[in-house]
């Protein structure tokens, strides 16, 4: 078994999951700020989706018009 020290509360964590979780949370702190800033600067994919939907509707309307005429 791993020889893990006791946590700050004095509770022994044999698996070390508390220490791994704290390391993950502390490591993720810097990335959280980067993710929060990303949506405000990226409007490109949303515009592409809107244009794609409009093109798809135009294609379906064109096929329906050719089929009915």
C-alpha atoms as a PDB file:
ATOM      1  CA  UNK A   1       0.000   0.000   0.000  1.00  0.00           C
ATOM      2  CA  UNK A   2       1.047   3.596  -0.521  1.00  0.00           C
ATOM      3  CA  UNK A   3       2.296   5.445   2.501  1.00  0.00           C
ATOM      4  CA  UNK A   4       0.233   8.654   2.311  1.00  0.00           C
ATOM      5  CA  UNK A   5       0.412  11.337   4.988  1.00  0.00           C
ATOM      6  CA  UNK A   6      -2.652  12.520   6.810  1.00  0.00           C
ATOM      7  CA  UNK A   7      -4.576  15.440   5.411  1.00  0.00           C
ATOM      8  CA  UNK A   8      -4.916  18.837   7.099  1.00  0.00           C
ATOM      9  CA  UNK A   9      -8.033  17.659   8.990  1.00  0.00           C
ATOM     10  CA  UNK A  10      -6.182  14.639  10.350  1.00  0.00           C
ATOM     11  CA  UNK A  11      -8.188  12.127   8.263  1.00  0.00           C
ATOM     12  CA  UNK A  12      -6.076   9.401   6.696  1.00  0.00           C
ATOM     13  CA  UNK A  13      -6.759   8.881   2.982  1.00  0.00           C
ATOM     14  CA  UNK A  14      -5.343   5.463   2.003  1.00  0.00           C
ATOM     15  CA  UNK A  15      -6.051   5.901  -1.705  1.00  0.00           C
ATOM     16  CA  UNK A  16      -4.650   9.421  -1.875  1.00  0.00           C
ATOM     17  CA  UNK A  17      -7.711  10.579  -3.808  1.00  0.00           C
ATOM     18  CA  UNK A  18      -8.083  13.743  -1.758  1.00  0.00           C
ATOM     19  CA  UNK A  19      -4.542  14.813  -2.572  1.00  0.00           C
ATOM     20  CA  UNK A  20      -5.038  13.982  -6.271  1.00  0.00           C
ATOM     21  CA  UNK A  21      -8.311  15.921  -6.339  1.00  0.00           C
ATOM     22  CA  UNK A  22      -6.734  18.960  -4.713  1.00  0.00           C
ATOM     23  CA  UNK A  23      -3.859  18.832  -7.177  1.00  0.00           C
ATOM     24  CA  UNK A  24      -6.351  18.651 -10.055  1.00  0.00           C
ATOM     25  CA  UNK A  25      -8.389  21.583  -8.751  1.00  0.00           C
ATOM     26  CA  UNK A  26      -5.285  23.679  -8.119  1.00  0.00           C
ATOM     27  CA  UNK A  27      -3.900  22.840 -11.578  1.00  0.00           C
ATOM     28  CA  UNK A  28      -7.233  23.613 -13.307  1.00  0.00           C
ATOM     29  CA  UNK A  29      -7.428  27.124 -11.830  1.00  0.00           C
ATOM     30  CA  UNK A  30      -5.345  28.705 -14.583  1.00  0.00           C
ATOM     31  CA  UNK A  31      -7.261  27.010 -17.375  1.00  0.00           C
ATOM     32  CA  UNK A  32     -10.621  28.167 -15.990  1.00  0.00           C
ATOM     33  CA  UNK A  33      -9.745  31.795 -16.712  1.00  0.00           C
ATOM     34  CA  UNK A  34      -8.656  30.964 -20.262  1.00  0.00           C
ATOM     35  CA  UNK A  35     -11.919  29.115 -20.950  1.00  0.00           C
ATOM     36  CA  UNK A  36     -13.977  32.006 -19.599  1.00  0.00           C
ATOM     37  CA  UNK A  37     -12.346  34.436 -22.053  1.00  0.00           C
ATOM     38  CA  UNK A  38     -12.693  32.174 -25.106  1.00  0.00           C
ATOM     39  CA  UNK A  39     -16.461  32.448 -25.822  1.00  0.00           C
ATOM     40  CA  UNK A  40     -16.375  36.242 -26.095  1.00  0.00           C
ATOM     41  CA  UNK A  41     -13.696  36.173 -28.790  1.00  0.00           C
ATOM     42  CA  UNK A  42     -14.991  33.291 -30.916  1.00  0.00           C
ATOM     43  CA  UNK A  43     -18.031  34.210 -32.968  1.00  0.00           C
ATOM     44  CA  UNK A  44     -16.772  32.464 -36.116  1.00  0.00           C
ATOM     45  CA  UNK A  45     -18.182  28.958 -35.632  1.00  0.00           C
ATOM     46  CA  UNK A  46     -21.625  30.304 -34.772  1.00  0.00           C
ATOM     47  CA  UNK A  47     -21.744  32.327 -37.997  1.00  0.00           C
ATOM     48  CA  UNK A  48     -20.670  29.242 -39.943  1.00  0.00           C
ATOM     49  CA  UNK A  49     -23.498  27.199 -38.464  1.00  0.00           C
ATOM     50  CA  UNK A  50     -26.057  29.881 -39.346  1.00  0.00           C
ATOM     51  CA  UNK A  51     -24.773  30.093 -42.932  1.00  0.00           C
ATOM     52  CA  UNK A  52     -24.801  26.284 -43.185  1.00  0.00           C
ATOM     53  CA  UNK A  53     -28.426  26.092 -42.036  1.00  0.00           C
ATOM     54  CA  UNK A  54     -29.457  28.761 -44.548  1.00  0.00           C
ATOM     55  CA  UNK A  55     -27.668  26.905 -47.366  1.00  0.00           C
ATOM     56  CA  UNK A  56     -29.304  23.610 -46.326  1.00  0.00           C
ATOM     57  CA  UNK A  57     -32.757  25.222 -46.366  1.00  0.00           C
ATOM     58  CA  UNK A  58     -32.053  26.693 -49.814  1.00  0.00           C
ATOM     59  CA  UNK A  59     -30.960  23.283 -51.142  1.00  0.00           C
ATOM     60  CA  UNK A  60     -34.065  21.563 -49.738  1.00  0.00           C
ATOM     61  CA  UNK A  61     -36.288  24.314 -51.194  1.00  0.00           C
ATOM     62  CA  UNK A  62     -34.556  23.957 -54.589  1.00  0.00           C
ATOM     63  CA  UNK A  63     -34.989  20.188 -54.633  1.00  0.00           C
ATOM     64  CA  UNK A  64     -38.654  20.519 -53.638  1.00  0.00           C
ATOM     65  CA  UNK A  65     -39.225  23.146 -56.341  1.00  0.00           C
ATOM     66  CA  UNK A  66     -37.629  20.887 -58.998  1.00  0.00           C
ATOM     67  CA  UNK A  67     -39.627  17.876 -57.795  1.00  0.00           C
ATOM     68  CA  UNK A  68     -42.950  19.714 -57.880  1.00  0.00           C
ATOM     69  CA  UNK A  69     -42.484  21.471 -61.222  1.00  0.00           C
END
